[in-house]
Amino acid sequence: MSFSYLASPYTHMDLAIQAARYAEVQKCFLWLMRQRIWTFSPIIHCHHVTIRFGLPSDASYWWDYNREMLKSASKLYVLTLEGWEDSRGVSEEIIFASAANIAINFISPTAYNITEEP
């Protein structure tokens, strides 16, 4: 079975923004699953452990883990939340997926439409 990887901005100095981003990723993840698009999201998978046990939330800490998961994905979806273009993690995921010939699509957080361009 193949799966898709959902990238999104996460880390922010304002923890309320970080929590809001997590909530938006949950909504998108739910939408994808309802579409039967089997999806892995590092934010969904790791947010609670990061918060509960004080793991770093920055992209550099998680890159090795994220790369291992992404290299097995058939598609990269980028949730275009505010800040996605400035996100180090999202940028690394896009660059990696492009180099690995993994299809890249973008999802609007307001309409949940999937496009080939942001």
C-alpha atoms as a PDB file:
ATOM      1  CA  MET A   1       0.000   0.000   0.000  1.00  0.00           C
ATOM      2  CA  SER A   2       1.273   3.439  -0.799  1.00  0.00           C
ATOM      3  CA  PHE A   3       0.700   6.503   1.303  1.00  0.00           C
ATOM      4  CA  SER A   4       0.979  10.247   0.985  1.00  0.00           C
ATOM      5  CA  TYR A   5       3.010  12.564   3.197  1.00  0.00           C
ATOM      6  CA  LEU A   6       1.395  15.762   4.478  1.00  0.00           C
ATOM      7  CA  ALA A   7       3.818  18.659   4.986  1.00  0.00           C
ATOM      8  CA  SER A   8       2.863  21.870   6.746  1.00  0.00           C
ATOM      9  CA  PRO A   9       4.474  24.666   8.713  1.00  0.00           C
ATOM     10  CA  TYR A  10       4.559  23.928  12.423  1.00  0.00           C
ATOM     11  CA  THR A  11       7.278  25.521  14.525  1.00  0.00           C
ATOM     12  CA  HIS A  12       6.649  29.067  15.707  1.00  0.00           C
ATOM     13  CA  MET A  13       7.934  31.196  18.570  1.00  0.00           C
ATOM     14  CA  ASP A  14       4.320  31.838  19.557  1.00  0.00           C
ATOM     15  CA  LEU A  15       3.059  28.532  20.912  1.00  0.00           C
ATOM     16  CA  ALA A  16      -0.545  29.575  20.242  1.00  0.00           C
ATOM     17  CA  ILE A  17       0.274  29.797  16.522  1.00  0.00           C
ATOM     18  CA  GLN A  18       2.006  26.420  16.688  1.00  0.00           C
ATOM     19  CA  ALA A  19      -1.085  24.913  18.347  1.00  0.00           C
ATOM     20  CA  ALA A  20      -3.349  26.547  15.742  1.00  0.00           C
ATOM     21  CA  ARG A  21      -1.223  25.053  12.967  1.00  0.00           C
ATOM     22  CA  TYR A  22      -1.570  21.633  14.577  1.00  0.00           C
ATOM     23  CA  ALA A  23      -5.363  22.070  14.688  1.00  0.00           C
ATOM     24  CA  GLU A  24      -5.431  22.989  10.991  1.00  0.00           C
ATOM     25  CA  VAL A  25      -3.315  19.963  10.098  1.00  0.00           C
ATOM     26  CA  GLN A  26      -5.764  17.758  11.997  1.00  0.00           C
ATOM     27  CA  LYS A  27      -8.639  19.098   9.872  1.00  0.00           C
ATOM     28  CA  CYS A  28      -6.737  18.515   6.634  1.00  0.00           C
ATOM     29  CA  PHE A  29      -5.645  15.044   7.737  1.00  0.00           C
ATOM     30  CA  LEU A  30      -9.267  14.168   8.512  1.00  0.00           C
ATOM     31  CA  TRP A  31     -10.361  15.443   5.092  1.00  0.00           C
ATOM     32  CA  LEU A  32      -7.666  13.384   3.342  1.00  0.00           C
ATOM     33  CA  MET A  33      -8.601  10.260   5.265  1.00  0.00           C
ATOM     34  CA  ARG A  34     -12.274  10.758   4.416  1.00  0.00           C
ATOM     35  CA  GLN A  35     -11.206  10.906   0.770  1.00  0.00           C
ATOM     36  CA  ARG A  36      -9.423   7.584   1.399  1.00  0.00           C
ATOM     37  CA  ILE A  37      -6.074   9.203   0.719  1.00  0.00           C
ATOM     38  CA  TRP A  38      -3.930   7.299   3.201  1.00  0.00           C
ATOM     39  CA  THR A  39      -1.677   9.899   4.732  1.00  0.00           C
ATOM     40  CA  PHE A  40       1.236  10.228   7.109  1.00  0.00           C
ATOM     41  CA  SER A  41       1.718  13.575   8.816  1.00  0.00           C
ATOM     42  CA  PRO A  42       4.745  14.135  11.049  1.00  0.00           C
ATOM     43  CA  ILE A  43       2.787  16.851  12.841  1.00  0.00           C
ATOM     44  CA  ILE A  44      -0.160  14.553  13.592  1.00  0.00           C
ATOM     45  CA  HIS A  45       2.145  11.692  14.499  1.00  0.00           C
ATOM     46  CA  CYS A  46       4.591  13.591  16.737  1.00  0.00           C
ATOM     47  CA  HIS A  47       2.899  16.731  18.140  1.00  0.00           C
ATOM     48  CA  HIS A  48       1.649  15.221  21.394  1.00  0.00           C
ATOM     49  CA  VAL A  49       4.899  13.439  22.179  1.00  0.00           C
ATOM     50  CA  THR A  50       6.829  16.629  21.427  1.00  0.00           C
ATOM     51  CA  ILE A  51       4.639  18.698  23.759  1.00  0.00           C
ATOM     52  CA  ARG A  52       4.315  16.114  26.522  1.00  0.00           C
ATOM     53  CA  PHE A  53       7.988  15.180  26.724  1.00  0.00           C
ATOM     54  CA  GLY A  54       9.599  18.434  25.668  1.00  0.00           C
ATOM     55  CA  LEU A  55      11.192  17.274  22.431  1.00  0.00           C
ATOM     56  CA  PRO A  56      12.450  20.023  20.140  1.00  0.00           C
ATOM     57  CA  SER A  57       9.880  21.171  17.605  1.00  0.00           C
ATOM     58  CA  ASP A  58      12.321  22.623  15.076  1.00  0.00           C
ATOM     59  CA  ALA A  59      12.856  21.216  11.592  1.00  0.00           C
ATOM     60  CA  SER A  60      16.533  20.406  12.111  1.00  0.00           C
ATOM     61  CA  TYR A  61      15.745  18.003  14.968  1.00  0.00           C
ATOM     62  CA  TRP A  62      13.085  16.158  12.960  1.00  0.00           C
ATOM     63  CA  TRP A  63      14.674  16.161   9.492  1.00  0.00           C
ATOM     64  CA  ASP A  64      16.228  12.670   9.606  1.00  0.00           C
ATOM     65  CA  TYR A  65      12.924  11.149  10.762  1.00  0.00           C
ATOM     66  CA  ASN A  66      10.844  13.121   8.257  1.00  0.00           C
ATOM     67  CA  ARG A  67      13.175  12.256   5.377  1.00  0.00           C
ATOM     68  CA  GLU A  68      12.935   8.535   6.165  1.00  0.00           C
ATOM     69  CA  MET A  69       9.157   8.707   6.127  1.00  0.00           C
ATOM     70  CA  LEU A  70       8.984  10.910   3.034  1.00  0.00           C
ATOM     71  CA  LYS A  71      11.257   8.698   0.945  1.00  0.00           C
ATOM     72  CA  SER A  72       8.692   5.891   1.221  1.00  0.00           C
ATOM     73  CA  ALA A  73       5.731   8.101   0.256  1.00  0.00           C
ATOM     74  CA  SER A  74       4.168   8.104  -3.183  1.00  0.00           C
ATOM     75  CA  LYS A  75       3.115  11.746  -2.984  1.00  0.00           C
ATOM     76  CA  LEU A  76       3.858  14.896  -1.010  1.00  0.00           C
ATOM     77  CA  TYR A  77       0.950  17.140  -0.122  1.00  0.00           C
ATOM     78  CA  VAL A  78       1.806  20.621   1.136  1.00  0.00           C
ATOM     79  CA  LEU A  79      -0.840  22.284   3.273  1.00  0.00           C
ATOM     80  CA  THR A  80      -0.454  25.952   2.383  1.00  0.00           C
ATOM     81  CA  LEU A  81      -1.069  27.433   5.807  1.00  0.00           C
ATOM     82  CA  GLU A  82       0.242  30.931   6.426  1.00  0.00           C
ATOM     83  CA  GLY A  83       4.009  30.654   6.707  1.00  0.00           C
ATOM     84  CA  TRP A  84       4.439  27.583   4.507  1.00  0.00           C
ATOM     85  CA  GLU A  85       6.684  29.433   2.062  1.00  0.00           C
ATOM     86  CA  ASP A  86       9.014  30.481   4.897  1.00  0.00           C
ATOM     87  CA  SER A  87       9.042  27.110   6.660  1.00  0.00           C
ATOM     88  CA  ARG A  88      12.459  25.456   6.683  1.00  0.00           C
ATOM     89  CA  GLY A  89      10.893  22.027   7.149  1.00  0.00           C
ATOM     90  CA  VAL A  90       8.420  22.415   4.285  1.00  0.00           C
ATOM     91  CA  SER A  91      11.195  23.738   2.024  1.00  0.00           C
ATOM     92  CA  GLU A  92      13.395  20.730   2.814  1.00  0.00           C
ATOM     93  CA  GLU A  93      10.515  18.336   2.199  1.00  0.00           C
ATOM     94  CA  ILE A  94       9.718  19.923  -1.186  1.00  0.00           C
ATOM     95  CA  ILE A  95      13.379  19.869  -2.255  1.00  0.00           C
ATOM     96  CA  PHE A  96      13.766  16.241  -1.180  1.00  0.00           C
ATOM     97  CA  ALA A  97      10.533  15.121  -2.870  1.00  0.00           C
ATOM     98  CA  SER A  98      11.479  16.898  -6.076  1.00  0.00           C
ATOM     99  CA  ALA A  99      14.931  15.265  -6.138  1.00  0.00           C
ATOM    100  CA  ALA A 100      13.391  11.848  -5.412  1.00  0.00           C
ATOM    101  CA  ASN A 101      10.746  12.243  -8.136  1.00  0.00           C
ATOM    102  CA  ILE A 102       7.922  12.139  -5.599  1.00  0.00           C
ATOM    103  CA  ALA A 103       4.830  13.908  -6.935  1.00  0.00           C
ATOM    104  CA  ILE A 104       4.070  17.191  -5.170  1.00  0.00           C
ATOM    105  CA  ASN A 105       0.621  18.709  -4.756  1.00  0.00           C
ATOM    106  CA  PHE A 106      -0.681  21.601  -2.714  1.00  0.00           C
ATOM    107  CA  ILE A 107      -3.787  21.825  -0.557  1.00  0.00           C
ATOM    108  CA  SER A 108      -5.551  25.076   0.254  1.00  0.00           C
ATOM    109  CA  PRO A 109      -6.499  25.198   3.945  1.00  0.00           C
ATOM    110  CA  THR A 110      -9.719  27.042   3.165  1.00  0.00           C
ATOM    111  CA  ALA A 111     -11.174  25.012   0.303  1.00  0.00           C
ATOM    112  CA  TYR A 112      -9.275  21.725   0.598  1.00  0.00           C
ATOM    113  CA  ASN A 113      -8.710  21.627  -3.132  1.00  0.00           C
ATOM    114  CA  ILE A 114      -5.654  19.795  -4.429  1.00  0.00           C
ATOM    115  CA  THR A 115      -3.567  21.562  -7.068  1.00  0.00           C
ATOM    116  CA  GLU A 116      -0.215  21.112  -8.764  1.00  0.00           C
ATOM    117  CA  GLU A 117       0.733  24.737  -8.043  1.00  0.00           C
ATOM    118  CA  PRO A 118       0.391  26.623  -4.744  1.00  0.00           C
END
